Amino acid sequence: MVKWFTRSILALMLVTAVMAVGGNVTHTHADERDFTVINGSGSKVIVNFYVAPSGPGDDWGADILGVSTLAPGDSAFIYFTRYTDGNCSYDMRAVFDDGTEGQLLNIDLCATLTVTFTTGG
């Protein structure tokens, strides 16, 4: 009986320790450039969304919306991975379902948590 009780306590302590360590290992802090994009257009659906470092050129990379579309009034959290260390200034482009586009330039993603596109074209 004492062996069973001791083993049970040890097993419980082991499970608790694994959960505590596992929680710290798997939990990562969000990058300061992660943000929420909101479709504030009123009537247009965002079908593609791009982010690129501010500056010359048009290397938008891949669509990073993360969902198939973003209906008016909807939002999506963007886990931003295409960043350059030390850079906070980024340009954004939204492509709407009617073919129009909207751009926001020089957005400071280190100080911005939410970006809203109100119109395109």
PDB file of N, CA and C in Angstrom:
ATOM      1  N   MET A   1       0.824  -1.193   0.000  1.00  0.00           N
ATOM      2  CA  MET A   1       0.000   0.000   0.000  1.00  0.00           C
ATOM      3  C   MET A   1       0.864   1.250   0.000  1.00  0.00           C
ATOM      4  N   VAL A   2       1.927   1.252   0.786  1.00  0.00           N
ATOM      5  CA  VAL A   2       2.806   2.411   0.861  1.00  0.00           C
ATOM      6  C   VAL A   2       3.535   2.600  -0.468  1.00  0.00           C
ATOM      7  N   LYS A   3       3.978   1.491  -1.087  1.00  0.00           N
ATOM      8  CA  LYS A   3       4.652   1.577  -2.390  1.00  0.00           C
ATOM      9  C   LYS A   3       3.705   2.160  -3.435  1.00  0.00           C
ATOM     10  N   TRP A   4       2.454   1.705  -3.438  1.00  0.00           N
ATOM     11  CA  TRP A   4       1.479   2.216  -4.406  1.00  0.00           C
ATOM     12  C   TRP A   4       1.255   3.706  -4.195  1.00  0.00           C
ATOM     13  N   PHE A   5       1.103   4.124  -2.957  1.00  0.00           N
ATOM     14  CA  PHE A   5       0.882   5.524  -2.623  1.00  0.00           C
ATOM     15  C   PHE A   5       2.089   6.371  -3.037  1.00  0.00           C
ATOM     16  N   THR A   6       3.279   5.883  -2.749  1.00  0.00           N
ATOM     17  CA  THR A   6       4.500   6.604  -3.105  1.00  0.00           C
ATOM     18  C   THR A   6       4.635   6.724  -4.614  1.00  0.00           C
ATOM     19  N   ARG A   7       4.359   5.631  -5.315  1.00  0.00           N
ATOM     20  CA  ARG A   7       4.415   5.669  -6.787  1.00  0.00           C
ATOM     21  C   ARG A   7       3.372   6.622  -7.366  1.00  0.00           C
ATOM     22  N   SER A   8       2.204   6.637  -6.792  1.00  0.00           N
ATOM     23  CA  SER A   8       1.144   7.537  -7.261  1.00  0.00           C
ATOM     24  C   SER A   8       1.543   9.000  -7.073  1.00  0.00           C
ATOM     25  N   ILE A   9       2.115   9.297  -5.919  1.00  0.00           N
ATOM     26  CA  ILE A   9       2.561  10.664  -5.654  1.00  0.00           C
ATOM     27  C   ILE A   9       3.673  11.049  -6.611  1.00  0.00           C
ATOM     28  N   LEU A  10       4.632  10.149  -6.813  1.00  0.00           N
ATOM     29  CA  LEU A  10       5.729  10.426  -7.744  1.00  0.00           C
ATOM     30  C   LEU A  10       5.211  10.621  -9.167  1.00  0.00           C
ATOM     31  N   ALA A  11       4.267   9.791  -9.574  1.00  0.00           N
ATOM     32  CA  ALA A  11       3.690   9.917 -10.916  1.00  0.00           C
ATOM     33  C   ALA A  11       2.976  11.255 -11.061  1.00  0.00           C
ATOM     34  N   LEU A  12       2.227  11.646 -10.042  1.00  0.00           N
ATOM     35  CA  LEU A  12       1.526  12.928 -10.073  1.00  0.00           C
ATOM     36  C   LEU A  12       2.513  14.087 -10.146  1.00  0.00           C
ATOM     37  N   MET A  13       3.600  14.003  -9.384  1.00  0.00           N
ATOM     38  CA  MET A  13       4.617  15.048  -9.421  1.00  0.00           C
ATOM     39  C   MET A  13       5.280  15.115 -10.794  1.00  0.00           C
ATOM     40  N   LEU A  14       5.531  13.964 -11.401  1.00  0.00           N
ATOM     41  CA  LEU A  14       6.139  13.915 -12.726  1.00  0.00           C
ATOM     42  C   LEU A  14       5.218  14.533 -13.768  1.00  0.00           C
ATOM     43  N   VAL A  15       3.941  14.180 -13.724  1.00  0.00           N
ATOM     44  CA  VAL A  15       2.977  14.742 -14.675  1.00  0.00           C
ATOM     45  C   VAL A  15       2.898  16.257 -14.499  1.00  0.00           C
ATOM     46  N   THR A  16       2.846  16.725 -13.268  1.00  0.00           N
ATOM     47  CA  THR A  16       2.787  18.163 -13.002  1.00  0.00           C
ATOM     48  C   THR A  16       4.034  18.866 -13.521  1.00  0.00           C
ATOM     49  N   ALA A  17       5.205  18.262 -13.294  1.00  0.00           N
ATOM     50  CA  ALA A  17       6.453  18.868 -13.770  1.00  0.00           C
ATOM     51  C   ALA A  17       6.496  18.904 -15.292  1.00  0.00           C
ATOM     52  N   VAL A  18       6.068  17.836 -15.951  1.00  0.00           N
ATOM     53  CA  VAL A  18       6.067  17.797 -17.417  1.00  0.00           C
ATOM     54  C   VAL A  18       5.111  18.846 -17.973  1.00  0.00           C
ATOM     55  N   MET A  19       3.943  18.980 -17.359  1.00  0.00           N
ATOM     56  CA  MET A  19       2.984  19.985 -17.824  1.00  0.00           C
ATOM     57  C   MET A  19       3.541  21.389 -17.642  1.00  0.00           C
ATOM     58  N   ALA A  20       4.189  21.652 -16.527  1.00  0.00           N
ATOM     59  CA  ALA A  20       4.744  22.986 -16.270  1.00  0.00           C
ATOM     60  C   ALA A  20       5.855  23.297 -17.250  1.00  0.00           C
ATOM     61  N   VAL A  21       6.767  22.366 -17.448  1.00  0.00           N
ATOM     62  CA  VAL A  21       7.870  22.590 -18.378  1.00  0.00           C
ATOM     63  C   VAL A  21       7.347  22.632 -19.799  1.00  0.00           C
ATOM     64  N   GLY A  22       6.451  21.726 -20.144  1.00  0.00           N
ATOM     65  CA  GLY A  22       5.889  21.691 -21.494  1.00  0.00           C
ATOM     66  C   GLY A  22       5.166  22.971 -21.833  1.00  0.00           C
ATOM     67  N   GLY A  23       4.450  23.524 -20.865  1.00  0.00           N
ATOM     68  CA  GLY A  23       3.749  24.777 -21.122  1.00  0.00           C
ATOM     69  C   GLY A  23       4.704  25.903 -21.434  1.00  0.00           C
ATOM     70  N   ASN A  24       5.834  25.943 -20.753  1.00  0.00           N
ATOM     71  CA  ASN A  24       6.813  26.994 -21.008  1.00  0.00           C
ATOM     72  C   ASN A  24       7.549  26.770 -22.312  1.00  0.00           C
ATOM     73  N   VAL A  25       7.761  25.528 -22.684  1.00  0.00           N
ATOM     74  CA  VAL A  25       8.494  25.238 -23.910  1.00  0.00           C
ATOM     75  C   VAL A  25       7.636  25.525 -25.129  1.00  0.00           C
ATOM     76  N   THR A  26       6.368  25.144 -25.097  1.00  0.00           N
ATOM     77  CA  THR A  26       5.532  25.310 -26.273  1.00  0.00           C
ATOM     78  C   THR A  26       4.954  26.709 -26.407  1.00  0.00           C
ATOM     79  N   HIS A  27       4.937  27.483 -25.340  1.00  0.00           N
ATOM     80  CA  HIS A  27       4.386  28.834 -25.407  1.00  0.00           C
ATOM     81  C   HIS A  27       5.443  29.778 -25.984  1.00  0.00           C
ATOM     82  N   THR A  28       5.094  30.425 -27.063  1.00  0.00           N
ATOM     83  CA  THR A  28       6.011  31.395 -27.642  1.00  0.00           C
ATOM     84  C   THR A  28       5.370  32.770 -27.590  1.00  0.00           C
ATOM     85  N   HIS A  29       6.198  33.770 -27.478  1.00  0.00           N
ATOM     86  CA  HIS A  29       5.699  35.138 -27.472  1.00  0.00           C
ATOM     87  C   HIS A  29       5.449  35.570 -28.905  1.00  0.00           C
ATOM     88  N   ALA A  30       4.388  36.304 -29.112  1.00  0.00           N
ATOM     89  CA  ALA A  30       4.090  36.816 -30.434  1.00  0.00           C
ATOM     90  C   ALA A  30       5.143  37.838 -30.829  1.00  0.00           C
ATOM     91  N   ASP A  31       5.469  37.866 -32.110  1.00  0.00           N
ATOM     92  CA  ASP A  31       6.394  38.877 -32.600  1.00  0.00           C
ATOM     93  C   ASP A  31       5.699  40.226 -32.509  1.00  0.00           C
ATOM     94  N   GLU A  32       6.464  41.264 -32.220  1.00  0.00           N
ATOM     95  CA  GLU A  32       5.866  42.590 -32.070  1.00  0.00           C
ATOM     96  C   GLU A  32       5.234  43.077 -33.360  1.00  0.00           C
ATOM     97  N   ARG A  33       5.542  42.452 -34.488  1.00  0.00           N
ATOM     98  CA  ARG A  33       4.971  42.875 -35.756  1.00  0.00           C
ATOM     99  C   ARG A  33       3.701  42.114 -36.132  1.00  0.00           C
ATOM    100  N   ASP A  34       3.265  41.143 -35.331  1.00  0.00           N
ATOM    101  CA  ASP A  34       1.984  40.480 -35.575  1.00  0.00           C
ATOM    102  C   ASP A  34       0.875  41.514 -35.400  1.00  0.00           C
ATOM    103  N   PHE A  35      -0.187  41.387 -36.190  1.00  0.00           N
ATOM    104  CA  PHE A  35      -1.247  42.382 -36.138  1.00  0.00           C
ATOM    105  C   PHE A  35      -2.563  41.789 -36.618  1.00  0.00           C
ATOM    106  N   THR A  36      -3.636  42.540 -36.420  1.00  0.00           N
ATOM    107  CA  THR A  36      -4.961  42.164 -36.908  1.00  0.00           C
ATOM    108  C   THR A  36      -5.316  43.069 -38.076  1.00  0.00           C
ATOM    109  N   VAL A  37      -5.759  42.469 -39.174  1.00  0.00           N
ATOM    110  CA  VAL A  37      -6.233  43.255 -40.312  1.00  0.00           C
ATOM    111  C   VAL A  37      -7.756  43.189 -40.307  1.00  0.00           C
ATOM    112  N   ILE A  38      -8.372  44.353 -40.529  1.00  0.00           N
ATOM    113  CA  ILE A  38      -9.831  44.462 -40.553  1.00  0.00           C
ATOM    114  C   ILE A  38     -10.269  44.963 -41.913  1.00  0.00           C
ATOM    115  N   ASN A  39     -11.271  44.307 -42.475  1.00  0.00           N
ATOM    116  CA  ASN A  39     -11.854  44.783 -43.726  1.00  0.00           C
ATOM    117  C   ASN A  39     -12.949  45.775 -43.370  1.00  0.00           C
ATOM    118  N   GLY A  40     -12.624  47.061 -43.462  1.00  0.00           N
ATOM    119  CA  GLY A  40     -13.577  48.117 -43.160  1.00  0.00           C
ATOM    120  C   GLY A  40     -14.152  48.749 -44.410  1.00  0.00           C
ATOM    121  N   SER A  41     -14.104  48.028 -45.532  1.00  0.00           N
ATOM    122  CA  SER A  41     -14.543  48.592 -46.815  1.00  0.00           C
ATOM    123  C   SER A  41     -16.044  48.818 -46.891  1.00  0.00           C
ATOM    124  N   GLY A  42     -16.805  48.091 -46.138  1.00  0.00           N
ATOM    125  CA  GLY A  42     -18.254  48.258 -46.171  1.00  0.00           C
ATOM    126  C   GLY A  42     -18.953  47.310 -47.122  1.00  0.00           C
ATOM    127  N   SER A  43     -18.365  47.067 -48.316  1.00  0.00           N
ATOM    128  CA  SER A  43     -19.062  46.210 -49.273  1.00  0.00           C
ATOM    129  C   SER A  43     -18.153  45.288 -50.082  1.00  0.00           C
ATOM    130  N   LYS A  44     -16.852  45.463 -49.983  1.00  0.00           N
ATOM    131  CA  LYS A  44     -15.926  44.662 -50.784  1.00  0.00           C
ATOM    132  C   LYS A  44     -15.266  43.579 -49.945  1.00  0.00           C
ATOM    133  N   VAL A  45     -15.038  42.429 -50.559  1.00  0.00           N
ATOM    134  CA  VAL A  45     -14.369  41.311 -49.903  1.00  0.00           C
ATOM    135  C   VAL A  45     -12.884  41.359 -50.243  1.00  0.00           C
ATOM    136  N   ILE A  46     -12.016  41.253 -49.232  1.00  0.00           N
ATOM    137  CA  ILE A  46     -10.580  41.165 -49.487  1.00  0.00           C
ATOM    138  C   ILE A  46     -10.276  39.713 -49.854  1.00  0.00           C
ATOM    139  N   VAL A  47      -9.703  39.523 -51.039  1.00  0.00           N
ATOM    140  CA  VAL A  47      -9.387  38.168 -51.497  1.00  0.00           C
ATOM    141  C   VAL A  47      -7.904  37.839 -51.376  1.00  0.00           C
ATOM    142  N   ASN A  48      -7.044  38.866 -51.340  1.00  0.00           N
ATOM    143  CA  ASN A  48      -5.609  38.676 -51.152  1.00  0.00           C
ATOM    144  C   ASN A  48      -5.069  39.807 -50.296  1.00  0.00           C
ATOM    145  N   PHE A  49      -4.050  39.495 -49.491  1.00  0.00           N
ATOM    146  CA  PHE A  49      -3.450  40.504 -48.620  1.00  0.00           C
ATOM    147  C   PHE A  49      -1.950  40.276 -48.581  1.00  0.00           C
ATOM    148  N   TYR A  50      -1.192  41.347 -48.788  1.00  0.00           N
ATOM    149  CA  TYR A  50       0.257  41.256 -48.883  1.00  0.00           C
ATOM    150  C   TYR A  50       0.917  42.294 -47.976  1.00  0.00           C
ATOM    151  N   VAL A  51       2.088  41.951 -47.467  1.00  0.00           N
ATOM    152  CA  VAL A  51       2.887  42.872 -46.657  1.00  0.00           C
ATOM    153  C   VAL A  51       4.329  42.757 -47.116  1.00  0.00           C
ATOM    154  N   ALA A  52       4.982  43.908 -47.290  1.00  0.00           N
ATOM    155  CA  ALA A  52       6.386  43.942 -47.713  1.00  0.00           C
ATOM    156  C   ALA A  52       7.098  45.059 -46.966  1.00  0.00           C
ATOM    157  N   PRO A  53       8.397  44.917 -46.783  1.00  0.00           N
ATOM    158  CA  PRO A  53       9.146  46.012 -46.162  1.00  0.00           C
ATOM    159  C   PRO A  53       8.969  47.304 -46.963  1.00  0.00           C
ATOM    160  N   SER A  54       8.813  48.420 -46.287  1.00  0.00           N
ATOM    161  CA  SER A  54       8.660  49.709 -46.979  1.00  0.00           C
ATOM    162  C   SER A  54       9.911  50.023 -47.777  1.00  0.00           C
ATOM    163  N   GLY A  55       9.694  50.704 -48.884  1.00  0.00           N
ATOM    164  CA  GLY A  55      10.830  51.102 -49.708  1.00  0.00           C
ATOM    165  C   GLY A  55      10.550  50.836 -51.170  1.00  0.00           C
ATOM    166  N   PRO A  56      11.557  51.066 -51.991  1.00  0.00           N
ATOM    167  CA  PRO A  56      11.372  50.877 -53.429  1.00  0.00           C
ATOM    168  C   PRO A  56      11.174  49.401 -53.762  1.00  0.00           C
ATOM    169  N   GLY A  57      10.507  49.181 -54.865  1.00  0.00           N
ATOM    170  CA  GLY A  57      10.265  47.816 -55.312  1.00  0.00           C
ATOM    171  C   GLY A  57       8.855  47.365 -54.995  1.00  0.00           C
ATOM    172  N   ASP A  58       8.504  46.264 -55.582  1.00  0.00           N
ATOM    173  CA  ASP A  58       7.157  45.737 -55.371  1.00  0.00           C
ATOM    174  C   ASP A  58       7.198  44.232 -55.098  1.00  0.00           C
ATOM    175  N   ASP A  59       8.140  43.812 -54.273  1.00  0.00           N
ATOM    176  CA  ASP A  59       8.270  42.407 -53.915  1.00  0.00           C
ATOM    177  C   ASP A  59       7.275  42.083 -52.801  1.00  0.00           C
ATOM    178  N   TRP A  60       6.026  41.848 -53.178  1.00  0.00           N
ATOM    179  CA  TRP A  60       4.977  41.616 -52.195  1.00  0.00           C
ATOM    180  C   TRP A  60       5.031  40.210 -51.608  1.00  0.00           C
ATOM    181  N   GLY A  61       5.665  39.280 -52.289  1.00  0.00           N
ATOM    182  CA  GLY A  61       5.708  37.916 -51.774  1.00  0.00           C
ATOM    183  C   GLY A  61       4.359  37.243 -51.909  1.00  0.00           C
ATOM    184  N   ALA A  62       4.131  36.243 -51.075  1.00  0.00           N
ATOM    185  CA  ALA A  62       2.896  35.458 -51.127  1.00  0.00           C
ATOM    186  C   ALA A  62       1.775  36.122 -50.343  1.00  0.00           C
ATOM    187  N   ASP A  63       0.550  35.768 -50.708  1.00  0.00           N
ATOM    188  CA  ASP A  63      -0.639  36.205 -49.988  1.00  0.00           C
ATOM    189  C   ASP A  63      -0.555  35.675 -48.553  1.00  0.00           C
ATOM    190  N   ILE A  64      -0.685  36.561 -47.563  1.00  0.00           N
ATOM    191  CA  ILE A  64      -0.561  36.126 -46.164  1.00  0.00           C
ATOM    192  C   ILE A  64      -1.868  36.230 -45.392  1.00  0.00           C
ATOM    193  N   LEU A  65      -2.984  36.312 -46.088  1.00  0.00           N
ATOM    194  CA  LEU A  65      -4.263  36.483 -45.402  1.00  0.00           C
ATOM    195  C   LEU A  65      -4.538  35.351 -44.424  1.00  0.00           C
ATOM    196  N   GLY A  66      -4.210  34.135 -44.799  1.00  0.00           N
ATOM    197  CA  GLY A  66      -4.409  33.026 -43.883  1.00  0.00           C
ATOM    198  C   GLY A  66      -5.800  32.426 -43.925  1.00  0.00           C
ATOM    199  N   VAL A  67      -6.727  33.095 -44.548  1.00  0.00           N
ATOM    200  CA  VAL A  67      -8.073  32.563 -44.776  1.00  0.00           C
ATOM    201  C   VAL A  67      -8.381  32.797 -46.238  1.00  0.00           C
ATOM    202  N   SER A  68      -9.404  32.144 -46.751  1.00  0.00           N
ATOM    203  CA  SER A  68      -9.669  32.287 -48.181  1.00  0.00           C
ATOM    204  C   SER A  68     -10.068  33.704 -48.564  1.00  0.00           C
ATOM    205  N   THR A  69     -10.918  34.348 -47.775  1.00  0.00           N
ATOM    206  CA  THR A  69     -11.333  35.732 -48.033  1.00  0.00           C
ATOM    207  C   THR A  69     -11.634  36.419 -46.706  1.00  0.00           C
ATOM    208  N   LEU A  70     -11.763  37.741 -46.774  1.00  0.00           N
ATOM    209  CA  LEU A  70     -12.095  38.528 -45.584  1.00  0.00           C
ATOM    210  C   LEU A  70     -13.279  39.426 -45.940  1.00  0.00           C
ATOM    211  N   ALA A  71     -14.454  39.041 -45.487  1.00  0.00           N
ATOM    212  CA  ALA A  71     -15.685  39.768 -45.796  1.00  0.00           C
ATOM    213  C   ALA A  71     -15.699  41.128 -45.092  1.00  0.00           C
ATOM    214  N   PRO A  72     -16.520  42.068 -45.588  1.00  0.00           N
ATOM    215  CA  PRO A  72     -16.622  43.372 -44.937  1.00  0.00           C
ATOM    216  C   PRO A  72     -16.959  43.224 -43.451  1.00  0.00           C
ATOM    217  N   GLY A  73     -16.205  43.918 -42.623  1.00  0.00           N
ATOM    218  CA  GLY A  73     -16.413  43.866 -41.183  1.00  0.00           C
ATOM    219  C   GLY A  73     -15.662  42.751 -40.476  1.00  0.00           C
ATOM    220  N   ASP A  74     -15.146  41.791 -41.241  1.00  0.00           N
ATOM    221  CA  ASP A  74     -14.408  40.684 -40.632  1.00  0.00           C
ATOM    222  C   ASP A  74     -12.953  41.071 -40.387  1.00  0.00           C
ATOM    223  N   SER A  75     -12.307  40.306 -39.530  1.00  0.00           N
ATOM    224  CA  SER A  75     -10.896  40.548 -39.235  1.00  0.00           C
ATOM    225  C   SER A  75     -10.155  39.220 -39.223  1.00  0.00           C
ATOM    226  N   ALA A  76      -8.840  39.306 -39.365  1.00  0.00           N
ATOM    227  CA  ALA A  76      -7.979  38.126 -39.301  1.00  0.00           C
ATOM    228  C   ALA A  76      -6.697  38.507 -38.593  1.00  0.00           C
ATOM    229  N   PHE A  77      -6.226  37.635 -37.712  1.00  0.00           N
ATOM    230  CA  PHE A  77      -4.960  37.875 -37.037  1.00  0.00           C
ATOM    231  C   PHE A  77      -3.840  37.384 -37.940  1.00  0.00           C
ATOM    232  N   ILE A  78      -2.858  38.244 -38.164  1.00  0.00           N
ATOM    233  CA  ILE A  78      -1.743  37.920 -39.050  1.00  0.00           C
ATOM    234  C   ILE A  78      -0.510  37.622 -38.207  1.00  0.00           C
ATOM    235  N   TYR A  79      -0.060  36.370 -38.270  1.00  0.00           N
ATOM    236  CA  TYR A  79       1.215  35.999 -37.666  1.00  0.00           C
ATOM    237  C   TYR A  79       2.271  36.364 -38.687  1.00  0.00           C
ATOM    238  N   PHE A  80       2.890  37.502 -38.494  1.00  0.00           N
ATOM    239  CA  PHE A  80       3.772  38.062 -39.506  1.00  0.00           C
ATOM    240  C   PHE A  80       5.157  37.448 -39.395  1.00  0.00           C
ATOM    241  N   THR A  81       5.583  36.764 -40.456  1.00  0.00           N
ATOM    242  CA  THR A  81       6.884  36.094 -40.441  1.00  0.00           C
ATOM    243  C   THR A  81       7.860  36.676 -41.444  1.00  0.00           C
ATOM    244  N   ARG A  82       7.417  37.553 -42.291  1.00  0.00           N
ATOM    245  CA  ARG A  82       8.293  38.091 -43.340  1.00  0.00           C
ATOM    246  C   ARG A  82       8.897  39.426 -42.904  1.00  0.00           C
ATOM    247  N   TYR A  83       9.485  39.434 -41.743  1.00  0.00           N
ATOM    248  CA  TYR A  83      10.049  40.673 -41.227  1.00  0.00           C
ATOM    249  C   TYR A  83      11.566  40.651 -41.316  1.00  0.00           C
ATOM    250  N   THR A  84      12.123  41.843 -41.282  1.00  0.00           N
ATOM    251  CA  THR A  84      13.568  42.024 -41.232  1.00  0.00           C
ATOM    252  C   THR A  84      13.899  42.526 -39.838  1.00  0.00           C
ATOM    253  N   ASP A  85      14.858  41.883 -39.165  1.00  0.00           N
ATOM    254  CA  ASP A  85      15.229  42.312 -37.819  1.00  0.00           C
ATOM    255  C   ASP A  85      15.525  43.809 -37.792  1.00  0.00           C
ATOM    256  N   GLY A  86      14.971  44.491 -36.819  1.00  0.00           N
ATOM    257  CA  GLY A  86      15.208  45.917 -36.655  1.00  0.00           C
ATOM    258  C   GLY A  86      14.318  46.797 -37.520  1.00  0.00           C
ATOM    259  N   ASN A  87      13.542  46.201 -38.424  1.00  0.00           N
ATOM    260  CA  ASN A  87      12.671  46.995 -39.295  1.00  0.00           C
ATOM    261  C   ASN A  87      11.239  46.938 -38.776  1.00  0.00           C
ATOM    262  N   CYS A  88      10.601  48.081 -38.692  1.00  0.00           N
ATOM    263  CA  CYS A  88       9.218  48.151 -38.242  1.00  0.00           C
ATOM    264  C   CYS A  88       8.295  48.733 -39.307  1.00  0.00           C
ATOM    265  N   SER A  89       8.848  49.303 -40.381  1.00  0.00           N
ATOM    266  CA  SER A  89       8.065  50.004 -41.391  1.00  0.00           C
ATOM    267  C   SER A  89       7.738  49.079 -42.570  1.00  0.00           C
ATOM    268  N   TYR A  90       6.434  48.860 -42.786  1.00  0.00           N
ATOM    269  CA  TYR A  90       5.984  47.937 -43.827  1.00  0.00           C
ATOM    270  C   TYR A  90       4.858  48.546 -44.653  1.00  0.00           C
ATOM    271  N   ASP A  91       4.784  48.118 -45.912  1.00  0.00           N
ATOM    272  CA  ASP A  91       3.705  48.495 -46.818  1.00  0.00           C
ATOM    273  C   ASP A  91       2.734  47.329 -46.912  1.00  0.00           C
ATOM    274  N   MET A  92       1.452  47.646 -47.110  1.00  0.00           N
ATOM    275  CA  MET A  92       0.417  46.615 -47.196  1.00  0.00           C
ATOM    276  C   MET A  92      -0.433  46.836 -48.424  1.00  0.00           C
ATOM    277  N   ARG A  93      -0.884  45.717 -48.985  1.00  0.00           N
ATOM    278  CA  ARG A  93      -1.744  45.784 -50.169  1.00  0.00           C
ATOM    279  C   ARG A  93      -2.876  44.787 -50.006  1.00  0.00           C
ATOM    280  N   ALA A  94      -4.094  45.275 -50.207  1.00  0.00           N
ATOM    281  CA  ALA A  94      -5.277  44.417 -50.193  1.00  0.00           C
ATOM    282  C   ALA A  94      -5.862  44.391 -51.596  1.00  0.00           C
ATOM    283  N   VAL A  95      -6.200  43.196 -52.060  1.00  0.00           N
ATOM    284  CA  VAL A  95      -6.870  43.029 -53.354  1.00  0.00           C
ATOM    285  C   VAL A  95      -8.302  42.619 -53.046  1.00  0.00           C
ATOM    286  N   PHE A  96      -9.251  43.378 -53.615  1.00  0.00           N
ATOM    287  CA  PHE A  96     -10.664  43.145 -53.341  1.00  0.00           C
ATOM    288  C   PHE A  96     -11.303  42.293 -54.433  1.00  0.00           C
ATOM    289  N   ASP A  97     -12.475  41.759 -54.138  1.00  0.00           N
ATOM    290  CA  ASP A  97     -13.151  40.841 -55.054  1.00  0.00           C
ATOM    291  C   ASP A  97     -13.575  41.492 -56.372  1.00  0.00           C
ATOM    292  N   ASP A  98     -13.633  42.808 -56.427  1.00  0.00           N
ATOM    293  CA  ASP A  98     -13.994  43.472 -57.686  1.00  0.00           C
ATOM    294  C   ASP A  98     -12.750  43.864 -58.499  1.00  0.00           C
ATOM    295  N   GLY A  99     -11.566  43.427 -58.041  1.00  0.00           N
ATOM    296  CA  GLY A  99     -10.333  43.701 -58.765  1.00  0.00           C
ATOM    297  C   GLY A  99      -9.606  44.961 -58.335  1.00  0.00           C
ATOM    298  N   THR A 100     -10.244  45.794 -57.518  1.00  0.00           N
ATOM    299  CA  THR A 100      -9.565  47.001 -57.050  1.00  0.00           C
ATOM    300  C   THR A 100      -8.569  46.626 -55.955  1.00  0.00           C
ATOM    301  N   GLU A 101      -7.633  47.537 -55.711  1.00  0.00           N
ATOM    302  CA  GLU A 101      -6.615  47.321 -54.698  1.00  0.00           C
ATOM    303  C   GLU A 101      -6.521  48.535 -53.798  1.00  0.00           C
ATOM    304  N   GLY A 102      -6.107  48.289 -52.587  1.00  0.00           N
ATOM    305  CA  GLY A 102      -5.839  49.368 -51.652  1.00  0.00           C
ATOM    306  C   GLY A 102      -4.460  49.166 -51.062  1.00  0.00           C
ATOM    307  N   GLN A 103      -3.751  50.262 -50.826  1.00  0.00           N
ATOM    308  CA  GLN A 103      -2.419  50.164 -50.234  1.00  0.00           C
ATOM    309  C   GLN A 103      -2.296  51.109 -49.044  1.00  0.00           C
ATOM    310  N   LEU A 104      -1.574  50.644 -48.057  1.00  0.00           N
ATOM    311  CA  LEU A 104      -1.186  51.472 -46.922  1.00  0.00           C
ATOM    312  C   LEU A 104       0.327  51.421 -46.878  1.00  0.00           C
ATOM    313  N   LEU A 105       0.958  52.587 -46.799  1.00  0.00           N
ATOM    314  CA  LEU A 105       2.415  52.651 -46.869  1.00  0.00           C
ATOM    315  C   LEU A 105       3.021  53.097 -45.543  1.00  0.00           C
ATOM    316  N   ASN A 106       4.214  52.586 -45.278  1.00  0.00           N
ATOM    317  CA  ASN A 106       4.996  52.973 -44.096  1.00  0.00           C
ATOM    318  C   ASN A 106       4.248  52.786 -42.785  1.00  0.00           C
ATOM    319  N   ILE A 107       3.631  51.623 -42.617  1.00  0.00           N
ATOM    320  CA  ILE A 107       2.930  51.313 -41.375  1.00  0.00           C
ATOM    321  C   ILE A 107       3.954  50.789 -40.367  1.00  0.00           C
ATOM    322  N   ASP A 108       3.975  51.361 -39.181  1.00  0.00           N
ATOM    323  CA  ASP A 108       4.901  50.943 -38.127  1.00  0.00           C
ATOM    324  C   ASP A 108       4.292  49.746 -37.393  1.00  0.00           C
ATOM    325  N   LEU A 109       4.693  48.535 -37.808  1.00  0.00           N
ATOM    326  CA  LEU A 109       4.122  47.338 -37.208  1.00  0.00           C
ATOM    327  C   LEU A 109       4.627  47.071 -35.800  1.00  0.00           C
ATOM    328  N   CYS A 110       5.667  47.772 -35.376  1.00  0.00           N
ATOM    329  CA  CYS A 110       6.133  47.615 -34.001  1.00  0.00           C
ATOM    330  C   CYS A 110       5.250  48.399 -33.032  1.00  0.00           C
ATOM    331  N   ALA A 111       4.470  49.332 -33.550  1.00  0.00           N
ATOM    332  CA  ALA A 111       3.614  50.164 -32.710  1.00  0.00           C
ATOM    333  C   ALA A 111       2.135  50.023 -33.063  1.00  0.00           C
ATOM    334  N   THR A 112       1.813  49.162 -34.040  1.00  0.00           N
ATOM    335  CA  THR A 112       0.452  49.030 -34.522  1.00  0.00           C
ATOM    336  C   THR A 112      -0.063  47.624 -34.253  1.00  0.00           C
ATOM    337  N   LEU A 113      -1.240  47.520 -33.658  1.00  0.00           N
ATOM    338  CA  LEU A 113      -1.835  46.218 -33.396  1.00  0.00           C
ATOM    339  C   LEU A 113      -2.948  45.889 -34.389  1.00  0.00           C
ATOM    340  N   THR A 114      -3.542  46.924 -35.002  1.00  0.00           N
ATOM    341  CA  THR A 114      -4.663  46.731 -35.894  1.00  0.00           C
ATOM    342  C   THR A 114      -4.519  47.609 -37.118  1.00  0.00           C
ATOM    343  N   VAL A 115      -4.771  47.021 -38.289  1.00  0.00           N
ATOM    344  CA  VAL A 115      -4.742  47.757 -39.553  1.00  0.00           C
ATOM    345  C   VAL A 115      -6.110  47.584 -40.205  1.00  0.00           C
ATOM    346  N   THR A 116      -6.736  48.705 -40.603  1.00  0.00           N
ATOM    347  CA  THR A 116      -8.061  48.653 -41.216  1.00  0.00           C
ATOM    348  C   THR A 116      -8.003  49.192 -42.633  1.00  0.00           C
ATOM    349  N   PHE A 117      -8.496  48.394 -43.584  1.00  0.00           N
ATOM    350  CA  PHE A 117      -8.645  48.850 -44.960  1.00  0.00           C
ATOM    351  C   PHE A 117     -10.081  49.304 -45.134  1.00  0.00           C
ATOM    352  N   THR A 118     -10.256  50.587 -45.488  1.00  0.00           N
ATOM    353  CA  THR A 118     -11.593  51.148 -45.599  1.00  0.00           C
ATOM    354  C   THR A 118     -12.093  51.209 -47.023  1.00  0.00           C
ATOM    355  N   THR A 119     -11.197  51.180 -47.984  1.00  0.00           N
ATOM    356  CA  THR A 119     -11.622  51.259 -49.377  1.00  0.00           C
ATOM    357  C   THR A 119     -10.520  50.725 -50.273  1.00  0.00           C
ATOM    358  N   GLY A 120     -10.888  50.407 -51.465  1.00  0.00           N
ATOM    359  CA  GLY A 120      -9.911  49.969 -52.453  1.00  0.00           C
ATOM    360  C   GLY A 120     -10.132  50.719 -53.739  1.00  0.00           C
ATOM    361  N   GLY A 121      -9.079  50.866 -54.496  1.00  0.00           N
ATOM    362  CA  GLY A 121      -9.161  51.511 -55.808  1.00  0.00           C
ATOM    363  C   GLY A 121      -9.342  52.923 -55.676  1.00  0.00           C
TER     364      GLY A 121
END
